Amino acid sequence: MPEVVKYTDIKKEGRYDGVSLGEVMLRIDPRDIPTAKARDNIRLSQGGGETNVSCGMSYTFGLRTAVLTALLDDPVGENIRNQLREAGVDTSKVIWWDQKDDGSKYSADGKGTLHNGINFTYVGAGILPSDTTYYRANSVATRLAPGDFDFDALFGDEGVRVFNTGGILTLIGPNTADLAIQAAQKAAEHGTFVSADLNYRSKVEPNKDRAQAINRRLAPYLGMLVGNDSDLSDALGYETHGAKGASFDEWLDGYRETIKEVARDFPNLSLIGTQWRGAHNADVIGWGAALYDTLNDAWHVAALREDIPIRDRTGGGDSFASGTLSAIMKGHDLDTAVNWGAAHGILVQETAGDTTMVNQSTVEKEVARALAGGGVKATR
């Protein structure tokens, strides 16, 4: 088993600062009405639990990123590719399935049997919660398998500083877990830091035992694990004790104990962290974040935000991960990293879509505002 890279040993150079392996979907947003009532004024965006991290690293923090995924060569696939390019992400590693039905490895029948993944996500309002409906059962991303990517060329010849994947990809297809584990192993072999977000989704895999078995195979190859208390329970089998609706401080007390247990079981982990959301309703939340440095047995906690109105709760964890990792790659300390992660995570919930598309200066200003306990002023 290759030695897992610690966050203190992230490479200084490489063709890519960050590479994400995962599914990417076309997101259809009916804006302010539930999906069942949607007729017009629909908004399109792209997103994926893993690929969102590369988008944030690239657009917001100016890092060089790429995505490893599969798309069907049709107008929907082109739309997704164009949006990734708009975020500054290198799409040259995408596996494109044609529609020629010619018997080649990546050829669909042209009759719609295989397709690109699509989801409808209603952002929610008041007591109506956010709700996502997925169409991915026959997406080409679910066909991803070991051997689809040349990891020795990517991690060895080209060079990657940070690689990330996650719990959505591992569960969507019959071979996607093996692919994620292969990628993490190869990354470690070539000295690349590996991060993964548990990102458990019951609509992806209702069988928690299967999710836990897969994640316990992946976890030994990680340097950083992202997962809140519910993810750690559903996707790894660790229970955090605390009352439902607990305050951030109460939640953190229980989370610390859980994370210590995770760190003991997986000594390869050098960072474990997550964001915390205290939802009052679909429109107003509390927002916090914590990062545990296992090497120094030290906790780093972001400024707590309370009673924050939001527009779209999707992507908070992905933006936390990209903000945290970007700060580390740019040479900042872990206090800065967790605050960048928390700020980027709340900002994505103030903007439509899975990613923020704000710049680094906006993140830094939000960190300063939160640390000072200040309000918001108009800029003119």
Protein backbone atom coordinates (compact mmCIF):
# COMPACT_ATOMS: atom_id res chain seq x y z
CA MET A 1 0.00 0.00 0.00
CA PRO A 2 1.49 3.40 -0.98
CA GLU A 3 2.22 5.96 1.72
CA VAL A 4 -0.55 8.54 1.93
CA VAL A 5 0.61 12.14 1.44
CA LYS A 6 0.04 14.52 4.37
CA TYR A 7 -1.25 18.06 3.93
CA THR A 8 2.16 19.34 5.02
CA ASP A 9 3.75 17.58 2.03
CA ILE A 10 1.53 18.78 -0.80
CA LYS A 11 3.59 19.22 -3.95
CA LYS A 12 4.67 22.73 -4.88
CA GLU A 13 4.49 22.08 -8.60
CA GLY A 14 2.62 20.05 -11.21
CA ARG A 15 0.63 20.66 -14.36
CA TYR A 16 -2.54 20.78 -12.27
CA ASP A 17 -3.16 22.19 -8.81
CA GLY A 18 -6.36 20.18 -8.52
CA VAL A 19 -8.05 17.33 -10.39
CA SER A 20 -11.51 16.00 -9.58
CA LEU A 21 -12.90 12.58 -10.46
CA GLY A 22 -16.67 12.43 -10.45
CA GLU A 23 -20.04 12.80 -12.06
CA VAL A 24 -21.23 16.08 -13.52
CA MET A 25 -24.88 16.74 -14.34
CA LEU A 26 -26.99 19.37 -16.03
CA ARG A 27 -29.01 21.04 -13.29
CA ILE A 28 -32.49 22.36 -14.09
CA ASP A 29 -33.66 24.94 -11.58
CA PRO A 30 -37.33 26.01 -11.61
CA ARG A 31 -36.32 29.06 -9.56
CA ASP A 32 -38.98 30.03 -7.03
CA ILE A 33 -41.58 27.30 -7.61
CA PRO A 34 -41.50 23.53 -6.96
CA THR A 35 -40.44 21.34 -9.87
CA ALA A 36 -43.92 19.87 -10.36
CA LYS A 37 -45.28 23.35 -11.10
CA ALA A 38 -42.40 24.44 -13.37
CA ARG A 39 -43.43 25.78 -16.78
CA ASP A 40 -41.07 28.55 -17.83
CA ASN A 41 -38.32 30.84 -16.54
CA ILE A 42 -36.16 27.78 -15.88
CA ARG A 43 -32.44 28.25 -15.16
CA LEU A 44 -29.72 25.81 -16.33
CA SER A 45 -26.38 25.18 -14.67
CA GLN A 46 -23.93 22.31 -14.23
CA GLY A 47 -22.77 20.64 -11.08
CA GLY A 48 -21.41 17.56 -9.39
CA GLY A 49 -20.37 16.80 -5.84
CA GLU A 50 -16.79 16.13 -6.90
CA THR A 51 -16.36 18.37 -9.95
CA ASN A 52 -17.70 21.42 -8.09
CA VAL A 53 -14.42 21.41 -6.15
CA SER A 54 -12.37 21.90 -9.33
CA CYS A 55 -14.73 24.66 -10.49
CA GLY A 56 -14.26 26.55 -7.22
CA MET A 57 -10.50 26.12 -7.22
CA SER A 58 -10.26 27.41 -10.77
CA TYR A 59 -12.77 30.24 -11.03
CA THR A 60 -12.64 31.65 -7.51
CA PHE A 61 -9.04 30.94 -6.51
CA GLY A 62 -7.29 31.02 -9.88
CA LEU A 63 -5.79 27.53 -9.65
CA ARG A 64 -5.18 25.16 -12.56
CA THR A 65 -7.72 22.35 -12.50
CA ALA A 66 -9.20 19.56 -14.57
CA VAL A 67 -12.08 17.10 -14.26
CA LEU A 68 -12.18 13.38 -14.94
CA THR A 69 -15.68 12.38 -15.98
CA ALA A 70 -17.72 11.02 -18.88
CA LEU A 71 -20.20 12.87 -21.10
CA LEU A 72 -22.34 11.87 -24.06
CA ASP A 73 -21.51 13.85 -27.19
CA ASP A 74 -24.79 15.67 -27.64
CA PRO A 75 -26.03 19.25 -27.02
CA VAL A 76 -26.52 18.58 -23.30
CA GLY A 77 -22.96 17.32 -23.00
CA GLU A 78 -21.71 20.36 -24.93
CA ASN A 79 -23.65 22.64 -22.59
CA ILE A 80 -22.02 21.05 -19.55
CA ARG A 81 -18.56 21.23 -21.16
CA ASN A 82 -19.02 24.90 -22.05
CA GLN A 83 -19.99 25.75 -18.48
CA LEU A 84 -16.94 23.91 -17.13
CA ARG A 85 -14.77 25.88 -19.54
CA GLU A 86 -16.41 29.09 -18.38
CA ALA A 87 -15.24 28.22 -14.86
CA GLY A 88 -11.69 27.82 -16.21
CA VAL A 89 -11.61 24.03 -15.87
CA ASP A 90 -9.59 21.90 -18.31
CA THR A 91 -12.02 19.50 -20.01
CA SER A 92 -9.43 17.68 -22.11
CA LYS A 93 -9.59 14.62 -19.81
CA VAL A 94 -13.34 14.11 -20.29
CA ILE A 95 -14.30 10.77 -21.86
CA TRP A 96 -16.74 11.45 -24.68
CA TRP A 97 -19.23 8.79 -25.71
CA ASP A 98 -20.27 9.04 -29.37
CA GLN A 99 -23.67 7.98 -30.76
CA LYS A 100 -22.48 5.88 -33.68
CA ASP A 101 -23.38 2.47 -32.22
CA ASP A 102 -20.19 1.12 -33.78
CA GLY A 103 -19.29 -1.35 -31.06
CA SER A 104 -16.35 0.66 -29.77
CA LYS A 105 -15.84 1.05 -26.02
CA TYR A 106 -17.37 4.51 -25.72
CA SER A 107 -20.19 4.31 -28.26
CA ALA A 108 -23.90 4.72 -27.52
CA ASP A 109 -26.74 3.60 -29.74
CA GLY A 110 -28.00 7.06 -30.68
CA LYS A 111 -31.48 6.18 -29.44
CA GLY A 112 -31.22 7.69 -25.98
CA THR A 113 -30.42 4.44 -24.18
CA LEU A 114 -27.45 6.22 -22.62
CA HIS A 115 -27.56 9.90 -21.74
CA ASN A 116 -25.99 12.68 -19.72
CA GLY A 117 -27.06 13.00 -16.11
CA ILE A 118 -29.77 15.55 -15.35
CA ASN A 119 -31.32 16.73 -12.12
CA PHE A 120 -34.15 19.06 -11.18
CA THR A 121 -33.34 20.99 -8.02
CA TYR A 122 -35.93 23.20 -6.36
CA VAL A 123 -34.19 25.44 -3.85
CA GLY A 124 -37.05 25.47 -1.34
CA ALA A 125 -38.73 28.32 0.50
CA GLY A 126 -39.75 28.75 4.13
CA ILE A 127 -41.00 25.40 5.39
CA LEU A 128 -40.82 23.84 1.90
CA PRO A 129 -37.42 22.11 1.83
CA SER A 130 -34.98 21.98 -1.05
CA ASP A 131 -35.69 18.94 -3.22
CA THR A 132 -33.70 17.24 -5.98
CA THR A 133 -34.96 14.72 -8.53
CA TYR A 134 -32.24 12.79 -10.37
CA TYR A 135 -32.11 11.21 -13.82
CA ARG A 136 -28.83 9.31 -13.87
CA ALA A 137 -29.56 5.57 -14.02
CA ASN A 138 -28.29 5.25 -17.60
CA SER A 139 -25.90 8.19 -17.69
CA VAL A 140 -22.49 7.58 -19.22
CA ALA A 141 -20.87 8.61 -15.94
CA THR A 142 -22.35 5.53 -14.27
CA ARG A 143 -20.32 3.44 -16.78
CA LEU A 144 -16.97 4.76 -15.54
CA ALA A 145 -14.62 1.95 -14.54
CA PRO A 146 -10.96 1.17 -13.78
CA GLY A 147 -8.81 1.57 -16.88
CA ASP A 148 -10.74 4.54 -18.24
CA PHE A 149 -7.98 7.01 -17.32
CA ASP A 150 -4.21 6.77 -17.51
CA PHE A 151 -3.40 7.66 -13.91
CA ASP A 152 0.31 7.01 -14.26
CA ALA A 153 0.50 9.62 -17.02
CA LEU A 154 -1.69 12.07 -15.12
CA PHE A 155 -0.17 11.82 -11.66
CA GLY A 156 3.31 10.80 -12.75
CA ASP A 157 4.20 12.50 -16.04
CA GLU A 158 1.98 15.58 -15.81
CA GLY A 159 1.79 16.00 -12.04
CA VAL A 160 -1.15 16.86 -9.76
CA ARG A 161 -0.87 18.58 -6.40
CA VAL A 162 -4.32 17.66 -5.02
CA PHE A 163 -6.75 15.01 -6.22
CA ASN A 164 -10.31 14.78 -4.98
CA THR A 165 -13.24 12.46 -5.41
CA GLY A 166 -16.27 11.58 -3.30
CA GLY A 167 -19.07 9.41 -2.09
CA ILE A 168 -21.50 10.22 -4.90
CA LEU A 169 -19.26 8.81 -7.62
CA THR A 170 -18.45 5.68 -5.65
CA LEU A 171 -22.12 4.71 -5.49
CA ILE A 172 -23.59 5.60 -8.89
CA GLY A 173 -22.31 2.68 -10.95
CA PRO A 174 -21.21 -0.94 -10.65
CA ASN A 175 -17.52 -0.10 -11.13
CA THR A 176 -17.23 3.52 -10.04
CA ALA A 177 -16.09 2.67 -6.51
CA ASP A 178 -13.24 0.57 -7.88
CA LEU A 179 -12.27 3.45 -10.18
CA ALA A 180 -12.19 5.95 -7.29
CA ILE A 181 -10.06 3.58 -5.20
CA GLN A 182 -7.71 2.94 -8.13
CA ALA A 183 -7.33 6.69 -8.64
CA ALA A 184 -6.62 7.32 -4.95
CA GLN A 185 -4.02 4.54 -4.90
CA LYS A 186 -2.27 5.87 -8.01
CA ALA A 187 -2.35 9.41 -6.68
CA ALA A 188 -0.65 8.31 -3.48
CA GLU A 189 1.95 6.33 -5.45
CA HIS A 190 2.93 9.50 -7.29
CA GLY A 191 2.98 11.78 -4.23
CA THR A 192 -0.37 13.51 -4.77
CA PHE A 193 -2.47 14.61 -1.80
CA VAL A 194 -5.90 12.92 -1.86
CA SER A 195 -9.15 14.36 -0.51
CA ALA A 196 -12.68 12.98 -0.55
CA ASP A 197 -16.07 14.20 0.61
CA LEU A 198 -18.38 11.45 1.90
CA ASN A 199 -21.39 13.29 0.44
CA TYR A 200 -23.89 10.56 1.31
CA ARG A 201 -27.14 10.78 -0.65
CA SER A 202 -29.98 8.37 0.13
CA LYS A 203 -31.39 8.92 -3.37
CA VAL A 204 -28.10 7.60 -4.77
CA GLU A 205 -27.81 4.58 -2.48
CA PRO A 206 -30.44 3.88 0.20
CA ASN A 207 -28.42 0.89 1.42
CA LYS A 208 -26.14 2.44 4.04
CA ASP A 209 -24.30 -0.83 4.64
CA ARG A 210 -23.10 -0.79 1.02
CA ALA A 211 -22.05 2.85 1.28
CA GLN A 212 -20.12 2.18 4.48
CA ALA A 213 -18.35 -0.86 3.04
CA ILE A 214 -17.20 1.14 0.01
CA ASN A 215 -16.07 4.18 1.97
CA ARG A 216 -14.09 2.02 4.38
CA ARG A 217 -12.20 0.68 1.36
CA LEU A 218 -11.50 4.21 0.09
CA ALA A 219 -10.68 5.92 3.39
CA PRO A 220 -7.21 4.32 3.90
CA TYR A 221 -5.94 6.15 0.80
CA LEU A 222 -7.07 9.63 1.87
CA GLY A 223 -5.11 12.50 3.34
CA MET A 224 -8.22 14.61 3.92
CA LEU A 225 -11.76 13.51 4.70
CA VAL A 226 -14.73 15.87 4.48
CA GLY A 227 -17.93 14.80 6.17
CA ASN A 228 -20.47 16.15 8.61
CA ASP A 229 -21.95 14.13 11.42
CA SER A 230 -24.76 12.65 9.31
CA ASP A 231 -22.32 11.70 6.53
CA LEU A 232 -20.02 10.04 9.05
CA SER A 233 -22.97 8.06 10.37
CA ASP A 234 -24.56 7.10 7.05
CA ALA A 235 -21.41 6.62 4.99
CA LEU A 236 -18.88 5.34 7.56
CA GLY A 237 -20.91 4.13 10.54
CA TYR A 238 -19.73 6.60 13.22
CA GLU A 239 -22.36 8.10 15.49
CA THR A 240 -22.16 11.64 16.84
CA HIS A 241 -24.02 12.08 20.09
CA GLY A 242 -26.02 15.23 20.58
CA ALA A 243 -29.55 16.57 20.65
CA LYS A 244 -31.33 17.32 17.41
CA GLY A 245 -31.25 21.03 16.70
CA ALA A 246 -28.21 21.55 18.92
CA SER A 247 -26.28 24.81 18.73
CA PHE A 248 -22.96 24.94 16.89
CA ASP A 249 -20.97 24.70 20.13
CA GLU A 250 -23.00 21.72 21.31
CA TRP A 251 -22.65 20.05 17.91
CA LEU A 252 -18.91 20.67 17.88
CA ASP A 253 -18.43 18.99 21.25
CA GLY A 254 -19.98 15.80 19.90
CA TYR A 255 -18.28 16.08 16.52
CA ARG A 256 -14.85 16.35 18.14
CA GLU A 257 -15.32 12.99 19.84
CA THR A 258 -16.46 11.35 16.60
CA ILE A 259 -13.52 12.74 14.65
CA LYS A 260 -11.03 11.50 17.24
CA GLU A 261 -12.46 8.01 16.72
CA VAL A 262 -12.21 8.33 12.93
CA ALA A 263 -8.60 9.54 13.22
CA ARG A 264 -7.68 6.56 15.38
CA ASP A 265 -9.15 4.12 12.88
CA PHE A 266 -7.60 5.83 9.85
CA PRO A 267 -4.17 7.16 10.90
CA ASN A 268 -3.45 8.06 7.26
CA LEU A 269 -5.75 11.07 7.57
CA SER A 270 -3.97 14.34 8.30
CA LEU A 271 -7.05 16.57 7.95
CA ILE A 272 -10.72 15.95 8.77
CA GLY A 273 -13.31 18.67 8.50
CA THR A 274 -16.73 19.82 7.52
CA GLN A 275 -19.20 22.65 7.50
CA TRP A 276 -22.13 22.91 9.91
CA ARG A 277 -25.58 24.07 8.88
CA GLY A 278 -28.21 25.01 11.43
CA ALA A 279 -31.34 25.33 9.30
CA HIS A 280 -34.10 27.49 10.73
CA ASN A 281 -36.02 27.10 7.47
CA ALA A 282 -35.17 26.86 3.76
CA ASP A 283 -34.31 30.57 3.65
CA VAL A 284 -32.36 31.24 6.88
CA ILE A 285 -29.49 29.21 8.32
CA GLY A 286 -26.63 29.24 10.78
CA TRP A 287 -23.26 28.37 9.25
CA GLY A 288 -20.02 27.17 10.78
CA ALA A 289 -17.02 25.00 9.93
CA ALA A 290 -14.32 23.02 11.71
CA LEU A 291 -11.06 21.45 10.60
CA TYR A 292 -9.05 18.94 12.63
CA ASP A 293 -5.29 18.69 12.13
CA THR A 294 -4.48 15.13 13.20
CA LEU A 295 -0.72 15.69 12.96
CA ASN A 296 -0.77 18.32 15.70
CA ASP A 297 -3.99 17.29 17.48
CA ALA A 298 -5.31 20.80 16.83
CA TRP A 299 -8.75 22.14 15.95
CA HIS A 300 -9.35 25.14 13.72
CA VAL A 301 -12.84 26.65 13.83
CA ALA A 302 -14.24 29.26 11.44
CA ALA A 303 -16.19 32.32 12.45
CA LEU A 304 -19.78 31.36 13.18
CA ARG A 305 -22.51 32.96 11.07
CA GLU A 306 -26.01 33.08 12.51
CA ASP A 307 -29.39 33.82 10.92
CA ILE A 308 -28.06 34.16 7.38
CA PRO A 309 -30.64 34.42 4.57
CA ILE A 310 -29.71 32.20 1.63
CA ARG A 311 -30.92 31.64 -1.94
CA ASP A 312 -29.70 28.11 -2.79
CA ARG A 313 -28.31 25.63 -0.27
CA THR A 314 -26.69 23.36 -2.87
CA GLY A 315 -22.90 23.11 -3.00
CA GLY A 316 -21.98 24.32 0.48
CA GLY A 317 -19.78 21.34 1.31
CA ASP A 318 -18.08 21.31 -2.08
CA SER A 319 -17.28 25.01 -1.77
CA PHE A 320 -15.98 24.45 1.76
CA ALA A 321 -13.59 21.81 0.40
CA SER A 322 -12.37 23.93 -2.50
CA GLY A 323 -11.85 26.99 -0.28
CA THR A 324 -9.97 25.02 2.36
CA LEU A 325 -7.74 23.19 -0.12
CA SER A 326 -7.05 26.34 -2.14
CA ALA A 327 -5.86 28.20 0.94
CA ILE A 328 -3.50 25.36 1.85
CA MET A 329 -2.11 25.17 -1.68
CA LYS A 330 -1.52 28.91 -1.61
CA GLY A 331 0.60 28.58 1.52
CA HIS A 332 -1.85 29.79 4.16
CA ASP A 333 -2.22 28.35 7.65
CA LEU A 334 -5.13 26.15 8.72
CA ASP A 335 -6.98 28.99 10.49
CA THR A 336 -7.08 30.81 7.16
CA ALA A 337 -7.98 27.59 5.35
CA VAL A 338 -11.04 26.80 7.45
CA ASN A 339 -12.21 30.42 7.21
CA TRP A 340 -11.81 30.45 3.43
CA GLY A 341 -13.75 27.19 3.32
CA ALA A 342 -16.56 28.52 5.49
CA ALA A 343 -16.77 31.81 3.58
CA HIS A 344 -16.80 30.09 0.20
CA GLY A 345 -19.41 27.66 1.53
CA ILE A 346 -21.82 30.41 2.60
CA LEU A 347 -21.23 32.45 -0.54
CA VAL A 348 -22.32 29.58 -2.80
CA GLN A 349 -25.61 29.58 -0.93
CA GLU A 350 -26.06 33.28 -1.73
CA THR A 351 -25.64 32.62 -5.48
CA ALA A 352 -27.63 30.45 -7.85
CA GLY A 353 -26.17 27.10 -8.83
CA ASP A 354 -23.73 24.58 -7.40
CA THR A 355 -20.68 26.89 -7.57
CA THR A 356 -20.15 30.49 -6.48
CA MET A 357 -18.42 32.10 -9.50
CA VAL A 358 -17.16 34.82 -7.16
CA ASN A 359 -13.50 35.88 -6.94
CA GLN A 360 -11.00 35.30 -4.16
CA SER A 361 -11.25 38.91 -3.00
CA THR A 362 -14.94 38.37 -2.26
CA VAL A 363 -14.08 35.33 -0.14
CA GLU A 364 -11.43 37.26 1.79
CA LYS A 365 -13.82 40.15 2.41
CA GLU A 366 -16.45 37.75 3.72
CA VAL A 367 -13.88 36.20 6.07
CA ALA A 368 -12.98 39.66 7.39
CA ARG A 369 -16.63 40.61 7.78
CA ALA A 370 -17.49 37.43 9.69
CA LEU A 371 -14.45 37.64 11.97
CA ALA A 372 -15.29 41.25 12.80
CA GLY A 373 -18.96 40.45 13.34
CA GLY A 374 -19.86 43.17 10.86
CA GLY A 375 -22.86 43.75 8.63
CA VAL A 376 -23.10 44.20 4.89
CA LYS A 377 -22.59 47.48 3.10
CA ALA A 378 -23.51 48.31 -0.48
CA THR A 379 -20.61 49.02 -2.82
CA ARG A 380 -21.17 51.81 -5.33
